[in-house]
Amino acid sequence: MDLNHLIFPHPNLKKDYFIHANELLFIPKKDENSKVISHIPALLLQPIFKSKSFLIFFHSNAEDIFTAFDLAEEIRIRLNV
């Protein structure tokens, strides 16, 4: 039995969507017939200064993507990625 939707309910994106509209991406999740069945939210944070490096940060559970924003912002600033 899949209880993820009960333990980790979908966040209300209305407020956070507008705050992070330029940083929010939705990665399509497809079934075996290449039909999009859902989307995985992700944040794309650009470096503060020009940089040739980038960092991909994966979070393992269904936590609201915006709760990880503060950590990702701190990493972006300190490492300039």
PDB file of N, CA and C in Angstrom:
ATOM      1  N   MET A   1       0.838  -1.182   0.000  1.00  0.00           N
ATOM      2  CA  MET A   1       0.000   0.000   0.000  1.00  0.00           C
ATOM      3  C   MET A   1       0.882   1.244   0.000  1.00  0.00           C
ATOM      4  N   ASP A   2       0.640   2.139  -0.920  1.00  0.00           N
ATOM      5  CA  ASP A   2       1.415   3.369  -1.041  1.00  0.00           C
ATOM      6  C   ASP A   2       0.778   4.455  -0.177  1.00  0.00           C
ATOM      7  N   LEU A   3       1.484   4.842   0.884  1.00  0.00           N
ATOM      8  CA  LEU A   3       0.960   5.853   1.806  1.00  0.00           C
ATOM      9  C   LEU A   3       1.665   7.201   1.650  1.00  0.00           C
ATOM     10  N   ASN A   4       2.511   7.327   0.626  1.00  0.00           N
ATOM     11  CA  ASN A   4       3.263   8.573   0.457  1.00  0.00           C
ATOM     12  C   ASN A   4       2.360   9.791   0.368  1.00  0.00           C
ATOM     13  N   HIS A   5       1.234   9.679  -0.336  1.00  0.00           N
ATOM     14  CA  HIS A   5       0.359  10.845  -0.494  1.00  0.00           C
ATOM     15  C   HIS A   5      -0.302  11.244   0.827  1.00  0.00           C
ATOM     16  N   LEU A   6      -0.402  10.310   1.777  1.00  0.00           N
ATOM     17  CA  LEU A   6      -0.957  10.641   3.094  1.00  0.00           C
ATOM     18  C   LEU A   6       0.112  11.205   4.024  1.00  0.00           C
ATOM     19  N   ILE A   7       1.290  10.605   3.989  1.00  0.00           N
ATOM     20  CA  ILE A   7       2.377  11.044   4.859  1.00  0.00           C
ATOM     21  C   ILE A   7       2.978  12.350   4.353  1.00  0.00           C
ATOM     22  N   PHE A   8       3.134  12.464   3.049  1.00  0.00           N
ATOM     23  CA  PHE A   8       3.716  13.648   2.423  1.00  0.00           C
ATOM     24  C   PHE A   8       2.698  14.250   1.458  1.00  0.00           C
ATOM     25  N   PRO A   9       1.713  14.988   1.966  1.00  0.00           N
ATOM     26  CA  PRO A   9       0.701  15.558   1.073  1.00  0.00           C
ATOM     27  C   PRO A   9       1.305  16.575   0.118  1.00  0.00           C
ATOM     28  N   HIS A  10       0.675  16.751  -1.025  1.00  0.00           N
ATOM     29  CA  HIS A  10       1.140  17.729  -1.998  1.00  0.00           C
ATOM     30  C   HIS A  10       1.052  19.121  -1.400  1.00  0.00           C
ATOM     31  N   PRO A  11       2.088  19.930  -1.592  1.00  0.00           N
ATOM     32  CA  PRO A  11       2.053  21.292  -1.052  1.00  0.00           C
ATOM     33  C   PRO A  11       1.098  22.177  -1.846  1.00  0.00           C
ATOM     34  N   ASN A  12       0.703  23.252  -1.222  1.00  0.00           N
ATOM     35  CA  ASN A  12      -0.090  24.265  -1.897  1.00  0.00           C
ATOM     36  C   ASN A  12       0.893  25.191  -2.606  1.00  0.00           C
ATOM     37  N   LEU A  13       0.970  25.111  -3.922  1.00  0.00           N
ATOM     38  CA  LEU A  13       1.976  25.838  -4.681  1.00  0.00           C
ATOM     39  C   LEU A  13       1.616  27.289  -4.979  1.00  0.00           C
ATOM     40  N   LYS A  14       0.419  27.708  -4.691  1.00  0.00           N
ATOM     41  CA  LYS A  14      -0.017  29.036  -5.111  1.00  0.00           C
ATOM     42  C   LYS A  14       0.926  30.140  -4.643  1.00  0.00           C
ATOM     43  N   LYS A  15       1.204  30.211  -3.348  1.00  0.00           N
ATOM     44  CA  LYS A  15       2.053  31.269  -2.805  1.00  0.00           C
ATOM     45  C   LYS A  15       3.499  31.101  -3.274  1.00  0.00           C
ATOM     46  N   ASP A  16       4.064  29.910  -3.079  1.00  0.00           N
ATOM     47  CA  ASP A  16       5.458  29.677  -3.429  1.00  0.00           C
ATOM     48  C   ASP A  16       5.695  29.729  -4.934  1.00  0.00           C
ATOM     49  N   TYR A  17       4.706  29.347  -5.705  1.00  0.00           N
ATOM     50  CA  TYR A  17       4.856  29.387  -7.158  1.00  0.00           C
ATOM     51  C   TYR A  17       5.152  30.802  -7.640  1.00  0.00           C
ATOM     52  N   PHE A  18       4.442  31.769  -7.123  1.00  0.00           N
ATOM     53  CA  PHE A  18       4.641  33.148  -7.550  1.00  0.00           C
ATOM     54  C   PHE A  18       5.972  33.704  -7.056  1.00  0.00           C
ATOM     55  N   ILE A  19       6.398  33.311  -5.859  1.00  0.00           N
ATOM     56  CA  ILE A  19       7.675  33.782  -5.322  1.00  0.00           C
ATOM     57  C   ILE A  19       8.837  33.222  -6.132  1.00  0.00           C
ATOM     58  N   HIS A  20       8.742  31.954  -6.535  1.00  0.00           N
ATOM     59  CA  HIS A  20       9.847  31.261  -7.205  1.00  0.00           C
ATOM     60  C   HIS A  20       9.526  30.933  -8.671  1.00  0.00           C
ATOM     61  N   ALA A  21       8.676  31.691  -9.292  1.00  0.00           N
ATOM     62  CA  ALA A  21       8.224  31.372 -10.650  1.00  0.00           C
ATOM     63  C   ALA A  21       9.366  31.249 -11.651  1.00  0.00           C
ATOM     64  N   ASN A  22      10.409  32.051 -11.511  1.00  0.00           N
ATOM     65  CA  ASN A  22      11.535  32.000 -12.451  1.00  0.00           C
ATOM     66  C   ASN A  22      12.513  30.873 -12.143  1.00  0.00           C
ATOM     67  N   GLU A  23      12.362  30.223 -11.004  1.00  0.00           N
ATOM     68  CA  GLU A  23      13.291  29.171 -10.585  1.00  0.00           C
ATOM     69  C   GLU A  23      12.654  27.788 -10.578  1.00  0.00           C
ATOM     70  N   LEU A  24      11.370  27.717 -10.765  1.00  0.00           N
ATOM     71  CA  LEU A  24      10.636  26.464 -10.648  1.00  0.00           C
ATOM     72  C   LEU A  24      10.526  25.756 -11.991  1.00  0.00           C
ATOM     73  N   LEU A  25      10.872  24.476 -12.000  1.00  0.00           N
ATOM     74  CA  LEU A  25      10.757  23.633 -13.191  1.00  0.00           C
ATOM     75  C   LEU A  25       9.911  22.416 -12.847  1.00  0.00           C
ATOM     76  N   PHE A  26       9.252  21.867 -13.844  1.00  0.00           N
ATOM     77  CA  PHE A  26       8.527  20.620 -13.656  1.00  0.00           C
ATOM     78  C   PHE A  26       9.085  19.595 -14.638  1.00  0.00           C
ATOM     79  N   ILE A  27       9.696  18.557 -14.110  1.00  0.00           N
ATOM     80  CA  ILE A  27      10.275  17.504 -14.931  1.00  0.00           C
ATOM     81  C   ILE A  27       9.181  16.478 -15.188  1.00  0.00           C
ATOM     82  N   PRO A  28       8.862  16.199 -16.447  1.00  0.00           N
ATOM     83  CA  PRO A  28       7.773  15.248 -16.722  1.00  0.00           C
ATOM     84  C   PRO A  28       8.160  13.818 -16.372  1.00  0.00           C
ATOM     85  N   LYS A  29       7.214  13.105 -15.811  1.00  0.00           N
ATOM     86  CA  LYS A  29       7.367  11.680 -15.521  1.00  0.00           C
ATOM     87  C   LYS A  29       6.442  10.941 -16.483  1.00  0.00           C
ATOM     88  N   LYS A  30       7.019  10.015 -17.251  1.00  0.00           N
ATOM     89  CA  LYS A  30       6.238   9.338 -18.286  1.00  0.00           C
ATOM     90  C   LYS A  30       6.037   7.866 -17.958  1.00  0.00           C
ATOM     91  N   ASP A  31       4.963   7.310 -18.474  1.00  0.00           N
ATOM     92  CA  ASP A  31       4.712   5.880 -18.314  1.00  0.00           C
ATOM     93  C   ASP A  31       5.401   5.113 -19.453  1.00  0.00           C
ATOM     94  N   GLU A  32       5.173   3.819 -19.528  1.00  0.00           N
ATOM     95  CA  GLU A  32       5.827   2.984 -20.539  1.00  0.00           C
ATOM     96  C   GLU A  32       5.409   3.334 -21.971  1.00  0.00           C
ATOM     97  N   ASN A  33       4.315   4.050 -22.142  1.00  0.00           N
ATOM     98  CA  ASN A  33       3.851   4.470 -23.473  1.00  0.00           C
ATOM     99  C   ASN A  33       4.259   5.903 -23.805  1.00  0.00           C
ATOM    100  N   SER A  34       5.176   6.444 -23.027  1.00  0.00           N
ATOM    101  CA  SER A  34       5.670   7.820 -23.187  1.00  0.00           C
ATOM    102  C   SER A  34       4.583   8.866 -22.973  1.00  0.00           C
ATOM    103  N   LYS A  35       3.553   8.520 -22.241  1.00  0.00           N
ATOM    104  CA  LYS A  35       2.508   9.481 -21.883  1.00  0.00           C
ATOM    105  C   LYS A  35       2.883  10.112 -20.535  1.00  0.00           C
ATOM    106  N   VAL A  36       2.835  11.437 -20.462  1.00  0.00           N
ATOM    107  CA  VAL A  36       3.156  12.132 -19.221  1.00  0.00           C
ATOM    108  C   VAL A  36       2.076  11.828 -18.193  1.00  0.00           C
ATOM    109  N   ILE A  37       2.494  11.260 -17.056  1.00  0.00           N
ATOM    110  CA  ILE A  37       1.529  10.904 -16.010  1.00  0.00           C
ATOM    111  C   ILE A  37       1.612  11.822 -14.801  1.00  0.00           C
ATOM    112  N   SER A  38       2.740  12.483 -14.616  1.00  0.00           N
ATOM    113  CA  SER A  38       2.874  13.445 -13.527  1.00  0.00           C
ATOM    114  C   SER A  38       4.118  14.291 -13.763  1.00  0.00           C
ATOM    115  N   HIS A  39       4.379  15.188 -12.845  1.00  0.00           N
ATOM    116  CA  HIS A  39       5.541  16.062 -12.939  1.00  0.00           C
ATOM    117  C   HIS A  39       6.274  16.071 -11.610  1.00  0.00           C
ATOM    118  N   ILE A  40       7.596  16.139 -11.694  1.00  0.00           N
ATOM    119  CA  ILE A  40       8.434  16.222 -10.503  1.00  0.00           C
ATOM    120  C   ILE A  40       8.910  17.667 -10.390  1.00  0.00           C
ATOM    121  N   PRO A  41       8.594  18.363  -9.279  1.00  0.00           N
ATOM    122  CA  PRO A  41       9.026  19.750  -9.156  1.00  0.00           C
ATOM    123  C   PRO A  41      10.527  19.833  -8.873  1.00  0.00           C
ATOM    124  N   ALA A  42      11.165  20.857  -9.408  1.00  0.00           N
ATOM    125  CA  ALA A  42      12.588  21.093  -9.188  1.00  0.00           C
ATOM    126  C   ALA A  42      12.850  22.585  -9.190  1.00  0.00           C
ATOM    127  N   LEU A  43      13.923  22.979  -8.517  1.00  0.00           N
ATOM    128  CA  LEU A  43      14.335  24.379  -8.513  1.00  0.00           C
ATOM    129  C   LEU A  43      15.627  24.520  -9.294  1.00  0.00           C
ATOM    130  N   LEU A  44      15.706  25.511 -10.148  1.00  0.00           N
ATOM    131  CA  LEU A  44      16.928  25.834 -10.876  1.00  0.00           C
ATOM    132  C   LEU A  44      17.384  27.198 -10.385  1.00  0.00           C
ATOM    133  N   LEU A  45      18.453  27.201  -9.597  1.00  0.00           N
ATOM    134  CA  LEU A  45      18.989  28.444  -9.048  1.00  0.00           C
ATOM    135  C   LEU A  45      20.255  28.803  -9.812  1.00  0.00           C
ATOM    136  N   GLN A  46      20.265  29.966 -10.400  1.00  0.00           N
ATOM    137  CA  GLN A  46      21.412  30.442 -11.159  1.00  0.00           C
ATOM    138  C   GLN A  46      22.485  30.966 -10.205  1.00  0.00           C
ATOM    139  N   PRO A  47      23.780  30.854 -10.577  1.00  0.00           N
ATOM    140  CA  PRO A  47      24.838  31.393  -9.707  1.00  0.00           C
ATOM    141  C   PRO A  47      24.749  32.914  -9.609  1.00  0.00           C
ATOM    142  N   ILE A  48      25.189  33.448  -8.484  1.00  0.00           N
ATOM    143  CA  ILE A  48      25.170  34.897  -8.278  1.00  0.00           C
ATOM    144  C   ILE A  48      26.142  35.577  -9.249  1.00  0.00           C
ATOM    145  N   PHE A  49      27.352  35.022  -9.356  1.00  0.00           N
ATOM    146  CA  PHE A  49      28.369  35.531 -10.274  1.00  0.00           C
ATOM    147  C   PHE A  49      28.585  34.497 -11.368  1.00  0.00           C
ATOM    148  N   LYS A  50      29.132  34.919 -12.488  1.00  0.00           N
ATOM    149  CA  LYS A  50      29.375  34.001 -13.596  1.00  0.00           C
ATOM    150  C   LYS A  50      30.200  32.803 -13.116  1.00  0.00           C
ATOM    151  N   SER A  51      29.779  31.614 -13.523  1.00  0.00           N
ATOM    152  CA  SER A  51      30.434  30.389 -13.075  1.00  0.00           C
ATOM    153  C   SER A  51      30.349  29.321 -14.159  1.00  0.00           C
ATOM    154  N   LYS A  52      31.371  28.487 -14.242  1.00  0.00           N
ATOM    155  CA  LYS A  52      31.355  27.363 -15.169  1.00  0.00           C
ATOM    156  C   LYS A  52      30.860  26.092 -14.486  1.00  0.00           C
ATOM    157  N   SER A  53      30.630  26.154 -13.204  1.00  0.00           N
ATOM    158  CA  SER A  53      30.215  24.988 -12.421  1.00  0.00           C
ATOM    159  C   SER A  53      28.734  25.058 -12.097  1.00  0.00           C
ATOM    160  N   PHE A  54      28.164  23.889 -11.872  1.00  0.00           N
ATOM    161  CA  PHE A  54      26.793  23.839 -11.390  1.00  0.00           C
ATOM    162  C   PHE A  54      26.654  22.669 -10.428  1.00  0.00           C
ATOM    163  N   LEU A  55      25.617  22.697  -9.666  1.00  0.00           N
ATOM    164  CA  LEU A  55      25.367  21.680  -8.655  1.00  0.00           C
ATOM    165  C   LEU A  55      23.948  21.165  -8.833  1.00  0.00           C
ATOM    166  N   ILE A  56      23.806  19.861  -8.819  1.00  0.00           N
ATOM    167  CA  ILE A  56      22.480  19.245  -8.850  1.00  0.00           C
ATOM    168  C   ILE A  56      22.221  18.690  -7.459  1.00  0.00           C
ATOM    169  N   PHE A  57      21.159  19.149  -6.848  1.00  0.00           N
ATOM    170  CA  PHE A  57      20.813  18.757  -5.487  1.00  0.00           C
ATOM    171  C   PHE A  57      19.549  17.915  -5.541  1.00  0.00           C
ATOM    172  N   PHE A  58      19.649  16.671  -5.089  1.00  0.00           N
ATOM    173  CA  PHE A  58      18.492  15.785  -5.058  1.00  0.00           C
ATOM    174  C   PHE A  58      18.049  15.603  -3.611  1.00  0.00           C
ATOM    175  N   HIS A  59      16.767  15.646  -3.410  1.00  0.00           N
ATOM    176  CA  HIS A  59      16.207  15.404  -2.087  1.00  0.00           C
ATOM    177  C   HIS A  59      15.414  14.117  -2.185  1.00  0.00           C
ATOM    178  N   SER A  60      15.585  13.239  -1.218  1.00  0.00           N
ATOM    179  CA  SER A  60      15.099  11.864  -1.385  1.00  0.00           C
ATOM    180  C   SER A  60      13.641  11.611  -1.046  1.00  0.00           C
ATOM    181  N   ASN A  61      13.013  12.437  -0.263  1.00  0.00           N
ATOM    182  CA  ASN A  61      11.612  12.123   0.034  1.00  0.00           C
ATOM    183  C   ASN A  61      10.679  13.141  -0.601  1.00  0.00           C
ATOM    184  N   ALA A  62       9.435  13.026  -0.319  1.00  0.00           N
ATOM    185  CA  ALA A  62       8.433  13.870  -0.978  1.00  0.00           C
ATOM    186  C   ALA A  62       8.210  15.197  -0.257  1.00  0.00           C
ATOM    187  N   GLU A  63       9.232  15.694   0.403  1.00  0.00           N
ATOM    188  CA  GLU A  63       9.137  16.970   1.092  1.00  0.00           C
ATOM    189  C   GLU A  63       8.843  18.089   0.092  1.00  0.00           C
ATOM    190  N   ASP A  64       8.130  19.084   0.528  1.00  0.00           N
ATOM    191  CA  ASP A  64       7.833  20.248  -0.302  1.00  0.00           C
ATOM    192  C   ASP A  64       9.142  20.822  -0.837  1.00  0.00           C
ATOM    193  N   ILE A  65       9.254  21.010  -2.133  1.00  0.00           N
ATOM    194  CA  ILE A  65      10.482  21.483  -2.772  1.00  0.00           C
ATOM    195  C   ILE A  65      10.928  22.825  -2.204  1.00  0.00           C
ATOM    196  N   PHE A  66       9.991  23.641  -1.773  1.00  0.00           N
ATOM    197  CA  PHE A  66      10.345  24.968  -1.290  1.00  0.00           C
ATOM    198  C   PHE A  66      10.921  24.956   0.120  1.00  0.00           C
ATOM    199  N   THR A  67      10.761  23.870   0.869  1.00  0.00           N
ATOM    200  CA  THR A  67      11.392  23.800   2.189  1.00  0.00           C
ATOM    201  C   THR A  67      12.888  23.582   2.050  1.00  0.00           C
ATOM    202  N   ALA A  68      13.345  23.077   0.913  1.00  0.00           N
ATOM    203  CA  ALA A  68      14.773  22.891   0.664  1.00  0.00           C
ATOM    204  C   ALA A  68      15.403  24.140   0.046  1.00  0.00           C
ATOM    205  N   PHE A  69      14.605  25.158  -0.235  1.00  0.00           N
ATOM    206  CA  PHE A  69      15.119  26.350  -0.901  1.00  0.00           C
ATOM    207  C   PHE A  69      16.202  27.052  -0.088  1.00  0.00           C
ATOM    208  N   ASP A  70      16.011  27.204   1.209  1.00  0.00           N
ATOM    209  CA  ASP A  70      16.991  27.917   2.031  1.00  0.00           C
ATOM    210  C   ASP A  70      18.353  27.232   1.994  1.00  0.00           C
ATOM    211  N   LEU A  71      18.356  25.905   2.071  1.00  0.00           N
ATOM    212  CA  LEU A  71      19.619  25.160   1.998  1.00  0.00           C
ATOM    213  C   LEU A  71      20.244  25.328   0.613  1.00  0.00           C
ATOM    214  N   ALA A  72      19.456  25.188  -0.431  1.00  0.00           N
ATOM    215  CA  ALA A  72      19.972  25.335  -1.796  1.00  0.00           C
ATOM    216  C   ALA A  72      20.493  26.753  -2.032  1.00  0.00           C
ATOM    217  N   GLU A  73      19.820  27.738  -1.503  1.00  0.00           N
ATOM    218  CA  GLU A  73      20.254  29.136  -1.634  1.00  0.00           C
ATOM    219  C   GLU A  73      21.606  29.347  -0.950  1.00  0.00           C
ATOM    220  N   GLU A  74      21.766  28.786   0.224  1.00  0.00           N
ATOM    221  CA  GLU A  74      23.028  28.910   0.956  1.00  0.00           C
ATOM    222  C   GLU A  74      24.169  28.232   0.202  1.00  0.00           C
ATOM    223  N   ILE A  75      23.926  27.064  -0.346  1.00  0.00           N
ATOM    224  CA  ILE A  75      24.943  26.357  -1.137  1.00  0.00           C
ATOM    225  C   ILE A  75      25.293  27.171  -2.381  1.00  0.00           C
ATOM    226  N   ARG A  76      24.279  27.691  -3.032  1.00  0.00           N
ATOM    227  CA  ARG A  76      24.497  28.505  -4.245  1.00  0.00           C
ATOM    228  C   ARG A  76      25.395  29.700  -3.951  1.00  0.00           C
ATOM    229  N   ILE A  77      25.137  30.398  -2.857  1.00  0.00           N
ATOM    230  CA  ILE A  77      25.904  31.595  -2.505  1.00  0.00           C
ATOM    231  C   ILE A  77      27.331  31.232  -2.123  1.00  0.00           C
ATOM    232  N   ARG A  78      27.482  30.249  -1.250  1.00  0.00           N
ATOM    233  CA  ARG A  78      28.825  29.915  -0.728  1.00  0.00           C
ATOM    234  C   ARG A  78      29.733  29.279  -1.781  1.00  0.00           C
ATOM    235  N   LEU A  79      29.178  28.467  -2.672  1.00  0.00           N
ATOM    236  CA  LEU A  79      29.986  27.789  -3.670  1.00  0.00           C
ATOM    237  C   LEU A  79      29.940  28.470  -5.038  1.00  0.00           C
ATOM    238  N   ASN A  80      29.084  29.471  -5.174  1.00  0.00           N
ATOM    239  CA  ASN A  80      28.867  30.169  -6.454  1.00  0.00           C
ATOM    240  C   ASN A  80      28.624  29.162  -7.582  1.00  0.00           C
ATOM    241  N   VAL A  81      27.624  28.363  -7.372  1.00  0.00           N
ATOM    242  CA  VAL A  81      27.239  27.353  -8.386  1.00  0.00           C
ATOM    243  C   VAL A  81      25.809  27.602  -8.812  1.00  0.00           C
TER     244      VAL A  81
END
